[in-house]
Amino acid sequence: MPFVVCLNKRPGLCLAMCASVMFTMAGVHASVAATFIPDFDAATFDAGAAIDNPYFPLDPSYQTTVQASGIDEDGEAFFEESQLSFGGPGRVILGVQTTVQRDLAFEDGLLVEDTFDYYAQDTDGNVWYMGEDVINYIYDDDGNLIETNNSSAWIAGENGALPGWIMPAEIVVGFEYFQEVSPADAALDQAMIWATGLTVTSGGSVFEDVLAILETTSLDPEAREFKYYAPGVGLIRVEEGLDEAFGNPELIFERVDMSEVPIPASLPLLLGGLAGLAAVARARVRKNADAFSI
């Protein structure tokens, strides 16, 4: 998934900040059969084009951090965050030069995921999601790094994967589309434009004309989350673990000022080994795609 705060879902959370965004629910459920698959062959791209979609800007100044904290079901405090930033030019995928959004995800100060998401904007203003390279960090109960893996990585054009849209140019409430189409890599995220024109408070700041997008996947019917985007800013809020009525999120991430974000103690040590890990070919675990057909 894009914006990988994939972090463990914790039922029964007592969130430190649990204010919810209220608006009328349309009562429409995402449907795989009705979900639009963007036609990459019909899209045109200008070499080196900037990603300047109002709801998904990605330029050299882009930096956003979202955080969540609370008490888990065992009564223990937790803190999670995702640091998103502009990563410069990325892979050339299906003949298109991409731009990287880097996502460093932390749990209680430990780096748990380092993701390079590859995006490109076409001449109509649609932002395409072209794939992701991922390093997941696994720790023992004492916080010692014991292994890494590349689970959830996928690249358009490999293993039959197709690119999708992370953000369409035309915002129409009720529109459903695929963000990623890679059954062999267990990547089948869908999105629905849920609401527009919202006023949302996140991290103490008030944002106007906010867009709400519902994300689901056919691979896990219980995985539901809202992401909120402000024009000229991008992602400002994430509500994970929604119930069947798309309410009562288990976890809420809110945007914070980057200047207030400390560097986790684990980051320098773990990033020191990234150069070596990046040189190793990604071992993709092929999933059984027969359970889903496009």
C-alpha atoms as a PDB file:
ATOM      1  CA  MET A   1       0.000   0.000   0.000  1.00  0.00           C
ATOM      2  CA  PRO A   2       0.908   3.519  -0.490  1.00  0.00           C
ATOM      3  CA  PHE A   3       1.594   5.345   2.767  1.00  0.00           C
ATOM      4  CA  VAL A   4       2.756   2.331   4.575  1.00  0.00           C
ATOM      5  CA  VAL A   5       1.901   2.756   8.190  1.00  0.00           C
ATOM      6  CA  CYS A   6       1.003  -0.879   8.035  1.00  0.00           C
ATOM      7  CA  LEU A   7       1.385  -1.233  11.593  1.00  0.00           C
ATOM      8  CA  ASN A   8      -0.206  -3.744  13.846  1.00  0.00           C
ATOM      9  CA  LYS A   9      -3.927  -3.320  14.365  1.00  0.00           C
ATOM     10  CA  ARG A  10      -4.731  -3.202  18.075  1.00  0.00           C
ATOM     11  CA  PRO A  11      -8.371  -3.802  19.094  1.00  0.00           C
ATOM     12  CA  GLY A  12      -9.770  -1.997  22.101  1.00  0.00           C
ATOM     13  CA  LEU A  13      -7.515   1.029  21.845  1.00  0.00           C
ATOM     14  CA  CYS A  14      -7.825   3.931  24.247  1.00  0.00           C
ATOM     15  CA  LEU A  15      -6.465   6.603  21.926  1.00  0.00           C
ATOM     16  CA  ALA A  16      -4.860   9.692  23.319  1.00  0.00           C
ATOM     17  CA  MET A  17      -6.485  11.744  20.573  1.00  0.00           C
ATOM     18  CA  CYS A  18      -9.726  10.178  19.390  1.00  0.00           C
ATOM     19  CA  ALA A  19     -11.642  13.088  17.889  1.00  0.00           C
ATOM     20  CA  SER A  20     -13.311  11.829  14.733  1.00  0.00           C
ATOM     21  CA  VAL A  21     -14.215  13.598  11.519  1.00  0.00           C
ATOM     22  CA  MET A  22     -17.975  13.595  11.058  1.00  0.00           C
ATOM     23  CA  PHE A  23     -19.808  13.661   7.755  1.00  0.00           C
ATOM     24  CA  THR A  24     -22.730  11.832   6.171  1.00  0.00           C
ATOM     25  CA  MET A  25     -21.865   8.342   5.002  1.00  0.00           C
ATOM     26  CA  ALA A  26     -23.163   7.403   1.591  1.00  0.00           C
ATOM     27  CA  GLY A  27     -23.595   3.769   2.517  1.00  0.00           C
ATOM     28  CA  VAL A  28     -21.910   2.612  -0.680  1.00  0.00           C
ATOM     29  CA  HIS A  29     -19.556  -0.367  -0.390  1.00  0.00           C
ATOM     30  CA  ALA A  30     -16.539  -0.844  -2.637  1.00  0.00           C
ATOM     31  CA  SER A  31     -17.074  -3.509  -5.268  1.00  0.00           C
ATOM     32  CA  VAL A  32     -14.271  -5.246  -7.149  1.00  0.00           C
ATOM     33  CA  ALA A  33     -16.483  -5.797 -10.169  1.00  0.00           C
ATOM     34  CA  ALA A  34     -17.298  -2.081 -10.422  1.00  0.00           C
ATOM     35  CA  THR A  35     -13.797  -0.836  -9.711  1.00  0.00           C
ATOM     36  CA  PHE A  36     -12.110   1.072 -12.521  1.00  0.00           C
ATOM     37  CA  ILE A  37      -8.709  -0.137 -13.745  1.00  0.00           C
ATOM     38  CA  PRO A  38      -6.840   2.872 -15.188  1.00  0.00           C
ATOM     39  CA  ASP A  39      -5.723   2.390 -18.805  1.00  0.00           C
ATOM     40  CA  PHE A  40      -1.970   2.930 -18.745  1.00  0.00           C
ATOM     41  CA  ASP A  41      -1.641   2.437 -22.514  1.00  0.00           C
ATOM     42  CA  ALA A  42      -3.890   5.462 -23.111  1.00  0.00           C
ATOM     43  CA  ALA A  43      -1.894   7.738 -20.801  1.00  0.00           C
ATOM     44  CA  THR A  44       0.825  10.125 -21.956  1.00  0.00           C
ATOM     45  CA  PHE A  45       3.731  11.405 -19.903  1.00  0.00           C
ATOM     46  CA  ASP A  46       6.164  14.275 -20.299  1.00  0.00           C
ATOM     47  CA  ALA A  47       9.716  13.379 -19.385  1.00  0.00           C
ATOM     48  CA  GLY A  48      10.615  14.789 -15.979  1.00  0.00           C
ATOM     49  CA  ALA A  49       7.127  16.206 -15.384  1.00  0.00           C
ATOM     50  CA  ALA A  50       6.502  17.478 -11.857  1.00  0.00           C
ATOM     51  CA  ILE A  51       3.901  15.837  -9.634  1.00  0.00           C
ATOM     52  CA  ASP A  52       1.704  18.808  -8.790  1.00  0.00           C
ATOM     53  CA  ASN A  53      -1.766  17.306  -8.382  1.00  0.00           C
ATOM     54  CA  PRO A  54      -3.351  19.579  -5.730  1.00  0.00           C
ATOM     55  CA  TYR A  55      -4.147  16.675  -3.401  1.00  0.00           C
ATOM     56  CA  PHE A  56      -0.915  14.788  -4.002  1.00  0.00           C
ATOM     57  CA  PRO A  57       1.945  17.262  -4.427  1.00  0.00           C
ATOM     58  CA  LEU A  58       5.399  15.698  -4.490  1.00  0.00           C
ATOM     59  CA  ASP A  59       8.230  18.181  -4.972  1.00  0.00           C
ATOM     60  CA  PRO A  60      11.668  18.632  -3.370  1.00  0.00           C
ATOM     61  CA  SER A  61      10.146  20.538  -0.438  1.00  0.00           C
ATOM     62  CA  TYR A  62       7.678  17.775   0.434  1.00  0.00           C
ATOM     63  CA  GLN A  63       7.926  16.425   3.991  1.00  0.00           C
ATOM     64  CA  THR A  64       5.058  15.129   6.110  1.00  0.00           C
ATOM     65  CA  THR A  65       4.943  13.148   9.325  1.00  0.00           C
ATOM     66  CA  VAL A  66       1.848  11.488  10.776  1.00  0.00           C
ATOM     67  CA  GLN A  67       1.746  10.049  14.286  1.00  0.00           C
ATOM     68  CA  ALA A  68      -0.520   7.959  16.499  1.00  0.00           C
ATOM     69  CA  SER A  69      -0.285   7.062  20.179  1.00  0.00           C
ATOM     70  CA  GLY A  70      -2.437   5.374  22.786  1.00  0.00           C
ATOM     71  CA  ILE A  71      -2.811   2.413  25.124  1.00  0.00           C
ATOM     72  CA  ASP A  72      -3.074  -1.093  23.723  1.00  0.00           C
ATOM     73  CA  GLU A  73      -5.311  -3.908  24.986  1.00  0.00           C
ATOM     74  CA  ASP A  74      -2.575  -5.034  27.401  1.00  0.00           C
ATOM     75  CA  GLY A  75      -2.494  -1.611  29.010  1.00  0.00           C
ATOM     76  CA  GLU A  76       0.841  -0.653  27.480  1.00  0.00           C
ATOM     77  CA  ALA A  77       1.531   2.711  25.858  1.00  0.00           C
ATOM     78  CA  PHE A  78       2.566   2.772  22.208  1.00  0.00           C
ATOM     79  CA  PHE A  79       3.731   5.366  19.713  1.00  0.00           C
ATOM     80  CA  GLU A  80       3.797   5.013  15.929  1.00  0.00           C
ATOM     81  CA  GLU A  81       4.752   7.374  13.140  1.00  0.00           C
ATOM     82  CA  SER A  82       5.395   7.532   9.425  1.00  0.00           C
ATOM     83  CA  GLN A  83       7.836  10.055   7.968  1.00  0.00           C
ATOM     84  CA  LEU A  84       7.059  10.816   4.311  1.00  0.00           C
ATOM     85  CA  SER A  85       9.464  12.763   2.115  1.00  0.00           C
ATOM     86  CA  PHE A  86      10.471  13.554  -1.461  1.00  0.00           C
ATOM     87  CA  GLY A  87      13.078  11.053  -2.605  1.00  0.00           C
ATOM     88  CA  GLY A  88      14.097  12.405  -6.004  1.00  0.00           C
ATOM     89  CA  PRO A  89      14.029  10.499  -9.297  1.00  0.00           C
ATOM     90  CA  GLY A  90      13.094   6.852  -9.004  1.00  0.00           C
ATOM     91  CA  ARG A  91      13.104   3.841 -11.277  1.00  0.00           C
ATOM     92  CA  VAL A  92      12.153   4.042 -14.931  1.00  0.00           C
ATOM     93  CA  ILE A  93       9.108   1.764 -15.002  1.00  0.00           C
ATOM     94  CA  LEU A  94       7.291   0.791 -18.200  1.00  0.00           C
ATOM     95  CA  GLY A  95       9.302   3.505 -19.937  1.00  0.00           C
ATOM     96  CA  VAL A  96       8.241   6.255 -17.515  1.00  0.00           C
ATOM     97  CA  GLN A  97      10.601   8.146 -15.220  1.00  0.00           C
ATOM     98  CA  THR A  98       9.125   7.987 -11.723  1.00  0.00           C
ATOM     99  CA  THR A  99       9.484  10.140  -8.636  1.00  0.00           C
ATOM    100  CA  VAL A 100      10.113   8.620  -5.208  1.00  0.00           C
ATOM    101  CA  GLN A 101       8.134   9.219  -2.058  1.00  0.00           C
ATOM    102  CA  ARG A 102      10.058   7.668   0.797  1.00  0.00           C
ATOM    103  CA  ASP A 103       8.187   6.376   3.833  1.00  0.00           C
ATOM    104  CA  LEU A 104      10.009   5.563   7.061  1.00  0.00           C
ATOM    105  CA  ALA A 105       7.628   3.840   9.478  1.00  0.00           C
ATOM    106  CA  PHE A 106       8.448   3.515  13.182  1.00  0.00           C
ATOM    107  CA  GLU A 107       6.929   1.668  16.127  1.00  0.00           C
ATOM    108  CA  ASP A 108       8.007   2.841  19.568  1.00  0.00           C
ATOM    109  CA  GLY A 109      11.151   4.357  18.075  1.00  0.00           C
ATOM    110  CA  LEU A 110      12.188   1.311  16.031  1.00  0.00           C
ATOM    111  CA  LEU A 111      12.303   1.499  12.240  1.00  0.00           C
ATOM    112  CA  VAL A 112       9.901  -1.198  11.018  1.00  0.00           C
ATOM    113  CA  GLU A 113       9.582  -0.332   7.342  1.00  0.00           C
ATOM    114  CA  ASP A 114      11.507   1.641   4.736  1.00  0.00           C
ATOM    115  CA  THR A 115       9.506   2.059   1.540  1.00  0.00           C
ATOM    116  CA  PHE A 116      10.305   3.696  -1.790  1.00  0.00           C
ATOM    117  CA  ASP A 117       6.982   4.382  -3.535  1.00  0.00           C
ATOM    118  CA  TYR A 118       7.240   5.194  -7.255  1.00  0.00           C
ATOM    119  CA  TYR A 119       4.828   7.751  -8.720  1.00  0.00           C
ATOM    120  CA  ALA A 120       4.401   9.555 -12.048  1.00  0.00           C
ATOM    121  CA  GLN A 121       1.882  12.169 -13.199  1.00  0.00           C
ATOM    122  CA  ASP A 122       0.407  11.981 -16.694  1.00  0.00           C
ATOM    123  CA  THR A 123      -0.472  14.940 -18.891  1.00  0.00           C
ATOM    124  CA  ASP A 124      -4.087  14.861 -17.641  1.00  0.00           C
ATOM    125  CA  GLY A 125      -2.976  15.284 -14.023  1.00  0.00           C
ATOM    126  CA  ASN A 126      -3.601  11.725 -12.803  1.00  0.00           C
ATOM    127  CA  VAL A 127      -0.894  10.510 -10.412  1.00  0.00           C
ATOM    128  CA  TRP A 128       0.039   6.914 -11.189  1.00  0.00           C
ATOM    129  CA  TYR A 129       1.258   4.428  -8.613  1.00  0.00           C
ATOM    130  CA  MET A 130       3.959   2.457 -10.421  1.00  0.00           C
ATOM    131  CA  GLY A 131       5.208   0.203  -7.627  1.00  0.00           C
ATOM    132  CA  GLU A 132       7.220   0.095  -4.432  1.00  0.00           C
ATOM    133  CA  ASP A 133      10.458  -1.283  -3.075  1.00  0.00           C
ATOM    134  CA  VAL A 134      10.191  -2.254   0.591  1.00  0.00           C
ATOM    135  CA  ILE A 135      12.479  -3.308   3.397  1.00  0.00           C
ATOM    136  CA  ASN A 136      10.639  -4.623   6.466  1.00  0.00           C
ATOM    137  CA  TYR A 137      12.572  -4.888   9.745  1.00  0.00           C
ATOM    138  CA  ILE A 138      11.698  -7.688  12.188  1.00  0.00           C
ATOM    139  CA  TYR A 139      12.711  -7.527  15.859  1.00  0.00           C
ATOM    140  CA  ASP A 140      12.670  -9.884  18.812  1.00  0.00           C
ATOM    141  CA  ASP A 141      10.863  -9.037  22.070  1.00  0.00           C
ATOM    142  CA  ASP A 142      13.937  -7.152  23.302  1.00  0.00           C
ATOM    143  CA  GLY A 143      14.037  -4.870  20.273  1.00  0.00           C
ATOM    144  CA  ASN A 144      16.977  -6.592  18.574  1.00  0.00           C
ATOM    145  CA  LEU A 145      16.895  -6.732  14.762  1.00  0.00           C
ATOM    146  CA  ILE A 146      16.668 -10.374  13.697  1.00  0.00           C
ATOM    147  CA  GLU A 147      15.747 -10.261  10.006  1.00  0.00           C
ATOM    148  CA  THR A 148      14.516  -8.214   7.075  1.00  0.00           C
ATOM    149  CA  ASN A 149      12.195  -9.043   4.186  1.00  0.00           C
ATOM    150  CA  ASN A 150      10.599  -7.407   1.145  1.00  0.00           C
ATOM    151  CA  SER A 151       6.984  -8.408   1.719  1.00  0.00           C
ATOM    152  CA  SER A 152       4.420  -6.205  -0.140  1.00  0.00           C
ATOM    153  CA  ALA A 153       6.949  -4.990  -2.756  1.00  0.00           C
ATOM    154  CA  TRP A 154       5.708  -4.855  -6.348  1.00  0.00           C
ATOM    155  CA  ILE A 155       6.681  -3.173  -9.615  1.00  0.00           C
ATOM    156  CA  ALA A 156       4.371  -2.529 -12.580  1.00  0.00           C
ATOM    157  CA  GLY A 157       5.354  -4.736 -15.484  1.00  0.00           C
ATOM    158  CA  GLU A 158       6.738  -7.490 -13.243  1.00  0.00           C
ATOM    159  CA  ASN A 159       4.763 -10.632 -12.321  1.00  0.00           C
ATOM    160  CA  GLY A 160       1.850  -9.334 -14.386  1.00  0.00           C
ATOM    161  CA  ALA A 161       1.446  -6.202 -12.247  1.00  0.00           C
ATOM    162  CA  LEU A 162      -0.393  -3.173 -13.629  1.00  0.00           C
ATOM    163  CA  PRO A 163      -0.022   0.404 -12.401  1.00  0.00           C
ATOM    164  CA  GLY A 164      -2.980   2.171 -10.805  1.00  0.00           C
ATOM    165  CA  TRP A 165      -3.825   5.675  -9.631  1.00  0.00           C
ATOM    166  CA  ILE A 166      -2.834   7.007  -6.258  1.00  0.00           C
ATOM    167  CA  MET A 167      -4.760  10.212  -7.029  1.00  0.00           C
ATOM    168  CA  PRO A 168      -7.046  10.899 -10.006  1.00  0.00           C
ATOM    169  CA  ALA A 169      -7.085  14.290 -11.694  1.00  0.00           C
ATOM    170  CA  GLU A 170     -10.883  14.507 -11.618  1.00  0.00           C
ATOM    171  CA  ILE A 171     -12.410  14.155  -8.158  1.00  0.00           C
ATOM    172  CA  VAL A 172     -15.908  12.647  -8.293  1.00  0.00           C
ATOM    173  CA  VAL A 173     -17.602  11.368  -5.144  1.00  0.00           C
ATOM    174  CA  GLY A 174     -18.368   7.650  -5.444  1.00  0.00           C
ATOM    175  CA  PHE A 175     -15.702   6.955  -8.059  1.00  0.00           C
ATOM    176  CA  GLU A 176     -13.891   3.658  -7.374  1.00  0.00           C
ATOM    177  CA  TYR A 177     -10.507   2.759  -8.835  1.00  0.00           C
ATOM    178  CA  PHE A 178      -7.539   0.475  -8.358  1.00  0.00           C
ATOM    179  CA  GLN A 179      -4.399   1.916  -6.822  1.00  0.00           C
ATOM    180  CA  GLU A 180      -2.345  -1.221  -7.475  1.00  0.00           C
ATOM    181  CA  VAL A 181      -3.118  -4.328  -9.500  1.00  0.00           C
ATOM    182  CA  SER A 182      -0.610  -7.051  -8.690  1.00  0.00           C
ATOM    183  CA  PRO A 183      -2.318 -10.274  -7.567  1.00  0.00           C
ATOM    184  CA  ALA A 184       0.934 -12.244  -7.740  1.00  0.00           C
ATOM    185  CA  ASP A 185       2.462  -9.893  -5.157  1.00  0.00           C
ATOM    186  CA  ALA A 186      -0.675  -9.705  -2.982  1.00  0.00           C
ATOM    187  CA  ALA A 187      -1.146  -6.036  -3.906  1.00  0.00           C
ATOM    188  CA  LEU A 188      -4.753  -5.229  -4.804  1.00  0.00           C
ATOM    189  CA  ASP A 189      -5.614  -1.956  -3.134  1.00  0.00           C
ATOM    190  CA  GLN A 190      -8.791  -0.171  -4.155  1.00  0.00           C
ATOM    191  CA  ALA A 191      -9.962   3.357  -3.419  1.00  0.00           C
ATOM    192  CA  MET A 192     -13.242   5.261  -3.429  1.00  0.00           C
ATOM    193  CA  ILE A 193     -13.652   9.028  -3.436  1.00  0.00           C
ATOM    194  CA  TRP A 194     -15.763   9.261  -0.292  1.00  0.00           C
ATOM    195  CA  ALA A 195     -16.271  12.962   0.381  1.00  0.00           C
ATOM    196  CA  THR A 196     -14.986  16.379  -0.647  1.00  0.00           C
ATOM    197  CA  GLY A 197     -15.091  19.896   0.792  1.00  0.00           C
ATOM    198  CA  LEU A 198     -14.470  18.762   4.375  1.00  0.00           C
ATOM    199  CA  THR A 199     -13.047  20.865   7.180  1.00  0.00           C
ATOM    200  CA  VAL A 200     -10.631  18.720   9.176  1.00  0.00           C
ATOM    201  CA  THR A 201      -8.522  19.473  12.240  1.00  0.00           C
ATOM    202  CA  SER A 202      -5.321  17.450  12.334  1.00  0.00           C
ATOM    203  CA  GLY A 203      -2.388  17.969  14.638  1.00  0.00           C
ATOM    204  CA  GLY A 204      -3.810  21.250  15.880  1.00  0.00           C
ATOM    205  CA  SER A 205      -4.154  22.770  12.391  1.00  0.00           C
ATOM    206  CA  VAL A 206      -7.410  23.340  10.528  1.00  0.00           C
ATOM    207  CA  PHE A 207      -7.562  22.349   6.850  1.00  0.00           C
ATOM    208  CA  GLU A 208     -10.284  23.350   4.383  1.00  0.00           C
ATOM    209  CA  ASP A 209     -11.584  21.669   1.221  1.00  0.00           C
ATOM    210  CA  VAL A 210     -10.277  18.305   2.407  1.00  0.00           C
ATOM    211  CA  LEU A 211     -10.726  15.136   0.355  1.00  0.00           C
ATOM    212  CA  ALA A 212     -11.596  11.824   2.066  1.00  0.00           C
ATOM    213  CA  ILE A 213     -10.675   8.557   0.319  1.00  0.00           C
ATOM    214  CA  LEU A 214     -11.773   5.117   1.500  1.00  0.00           C
ATOM    215  CA  GLU A 215      -9.167   2.397   0.898  1.00  0.00           C
ATOM    216  CA  THR A 216      -9.970  -1.322   0.885  1.00  0.00           C
ATOM    217  CA  THR A 217      -8.585  -4.539  -0.572  1.00  0.00           C
ATOM    218  CA  SER A 218     -10.310  -7.689  -1.779  1.00  0.00           C
ATOM    219  CA  LEU A 219      -7.532  -9.688  -0.117  1.00  0.00           C
ATOM    220  CA  ASP A 220      -8.787  -8.679   3.339  1.00  0.00           C
ATOM    221  CA  PRO A 221     -12.459  -7.573   3.547  1.00  0.00           C
ATOM    222  CA  GLU A 222     -11.890  -6.266   7.085  1.00  0.00           C
ATOM    223  CA  ALA A 223      -9.106  -3.883   6.038  1.00  0.00           C
ATOM    224  CA  ARG A 224     -10.754  -0.473   5.769  1.00  0.00           C
ATOM    225  CA  GLU A 225      -9.231   2.957   6.243  1.00  0.00           C
ATOM    226  CA  PHE A 226      -9.842   6.595   5.462  1.00  0.00           C
ATOM    227  CA  LYS A 227      -7.103   8.900   4.239  1.00  0.00           C
ATOM    228  CA  TYR A 228      -7.602  12.656   4.236  1.00  0.00           C
ATOM    229  CA  TYR A 229      -5.825  14.994   1.819  1.00  0.00           C
ATOM    230  CA  ALA A 230      -5.659  18.795   1.923  1.00  0.00           C
ATOM    231  CA  PRO A 231      -5.026  20.823  -1.262  1.00  0.00           C
ATOM    232  CA  GLY A 232      -1.435  21.954  -1.582  1.00  0.00           C
ATOM    233  CA  VAL A 233      -0.465  19.842   1.440  1.00  0.00           C
ATOM    234  CA  GLY A 234      -1.286  16.206   0.718  1.00  0.00           C
ATOM    235  CA  LEU A 235      -1.907  13.600   3.402  1.00  0.00           C
ATOM    236  CA  ILE A 236      -3.002  15.030   6.769  1.00  0.00           C
ATOM    237  CA  ARG A 237      -4.855  12.226   8.559  1.00  0.00           C
ATOM    238  CA  VAL A 238      -5.344   8.448   8.446  1.00  0.00           C
ATOM    239  CA  GLU A 239      -8.042   6.423  10.218  1.00  0.00           C
ATOM    240  CA  GLU A 240      -7.248   2.699  10.275  1.00  0.00           C
ATOM    241  CA  GLY A 241      -9.300  -0.317  11.306  1.00  0.00           C
ATOM    242  CA  LEU A 242     -12.769   1.029  10.442  1.00  0.00           C
ATOM    243  CA  ASP A 243     -15.809  -1.082  11.292  1.00  0.00           C
ATOM    244  CA  GLU A 244     -18.355  -2.277   8.720  1.00  0.00           C
ATOM    245  CA  ALA A 245     -20.173   1.062   8.945  1.00  0.00           C
ATOM    246  CA  PHE A 246     -16.877   2.857   8.213  1.00  0.00           C
ATOM    247  CA  GLY A 247     -16.686   4.319  11.707  1.00  0.00           C
ATOM    248  CA  ASN A 248     -14.939   3.701  15.030  1.00  0.00           C
ATOM    249  CA  PRO A 249     -11.333   3.610  13.770  1.00  0.00           C
ATOM    250  CA  GLU A 250      -8.924   1.547  15.845  1.00  0.00           C
ATOM    251  CA  LEU A 251      -6.032   3.899  15.148  1.00  0.00           C
ATOM    252  CA  ILE A 252      -5.789   7.557  14.088  1.00  0.00           C
ATOM    253  CA  PHE A 253      -2.689   9.148  12.600  1.00  0.00           C
ATOM    254  CA  GLU A 254      -2.477  12.949  12.529  1.00  0.00           C
ATOM    255  CA  ARG A 255      -0.075  15.267  10.759  1.00  0.00           C
ATOM    256  CA  VAL A 256       2.597  17.016  12.813  1.00  0.00           C
ATOM    257  CA  ASP A 257       5.087  19.757  12.052  1.00  0.00           C
ATOM    258  CA  MET A 258       8.304  18.194  10.702  1.00  0.00           C
ATOM    259  CA  SER A 259      10.373  20.555  12.854  1.00  0.00           C
ATOM    260  CA  GLU A 260       8.900  18.861  15.930  1.00  0.00           C
ATOM    261  CA  VAL A 261       9.820  15.315  14.891  1.00  0.00           C
ATOM    262  CA  PRO A 262      12.884  13.846  16.673  1.00  0.00           C
ATOM    263  CA  ILE A 263      15.091  11.331  14.868  1.00  0.00           C
ATOM    264  CA  PRO A 264      14.463   7.891  16.441  1.00  0.00           C
ATOM    265  CA  ALA A 265      17.547   6.420  18.074  1.00  0.00           C
ATOM    266  CA  SER A 266      17.339   3.317  15.880  1.00  0.00           C
ATOM    267  CA  LEU A 267      17.472   5.211  12.581  1.00  0.00           C
ATOM    268  CA  PRO A 268      21.216   5.915  12.099  1.00  0.00           C
ATOM    269  CA  LEU A 269      22.196   2.331  12.928  1.00  0.00           C
ATOM    270  CA  LEU A 270      19.634   0.696  10.662  1.00  0.00           C
ATOM    271  CA  LEU A 271      20.058   3.096   7.766  1.00  0.00           C
ATOM    272  CA  GLY A 272      23.769   2.358   7.831  1.00  0.00           C
ATOM    273  CA  GLY A 273      23.031  -1.063   6.391  1.00  0.00           C
ATOM    274  CA  LEU A 274      20.638   0.081   3.671  1.00  0.00           C
ATOM    275  CA  ALA A 275      23.305   0.494   0.992  1.00  0.00           C
ATOM    276  CA  GLY A 276      24.243  -3.161   1.298  1.00  0.00           C
ATOM    277  CA  LEU A 277      20.660  -4.333   1.437  1.00  0.00           C
ATOM    278  CA  ALA A 278      19.725  -2.276  -1.617  1.00  0.00           C
ATOM    279  CA  ALA A 279      22.444  -4.060  -3.609  1.00  0.00           C
ATOM    280  CA  VAL A 280      20.844  -7.417  -2.953  1.00  0.00           C
ATOM    281  CA  ALA A 281      18.206  -8.462  -5.478  1.00  0.00           C
ATOM    282  CA  ARG A 282      14.714  -8.428  -4.067  1.00  0.00           C
ATOM    283  CA  ALA A 283      13.383 -11.929  -3.437  1.00  0.00           C
ATOM    284  CA  ARG A 284       9.724 -11.744  -4.329  1.00  0.00           C
ATOM    285  CA  VAL A 285       7.413 -14.300  -2.790  1.00  0.00           C
ATOM    286  CA  ARG A 286       4.916 -15.283  -5.432  1.00  0.00           C
ATOM    287  CA  LYS A 287       1.364 -15.445  -4.128  1.00  0.00           C
ATOM    288  CA  ASN A 288      -1.457 -17.570  -5.425  1.00  0.00           C
ATOM    289  CA  ALA A 289      -3.351 -15.255  -7.745  1.00  0.00           C
ATOM    290  CA  ASP A 290      -6.127 -17.732  -8.529  1.00  0.00           C
ATOM    291  CA  ALA A 291      -8.260 -16.363  -5.698  1.00  0.00           C
ATOM    292  CA  PHE A 292      -8.664 -13.117  -7.591  1.00  0.00           C
ATOM    293  CA  SER A 293      -9.039 -12.346 -11.261  1.00  0.00           C
ATOM    294  CA  ILE A 294      -9.263  -8.955 -12.958  1.00  0.00           C
END
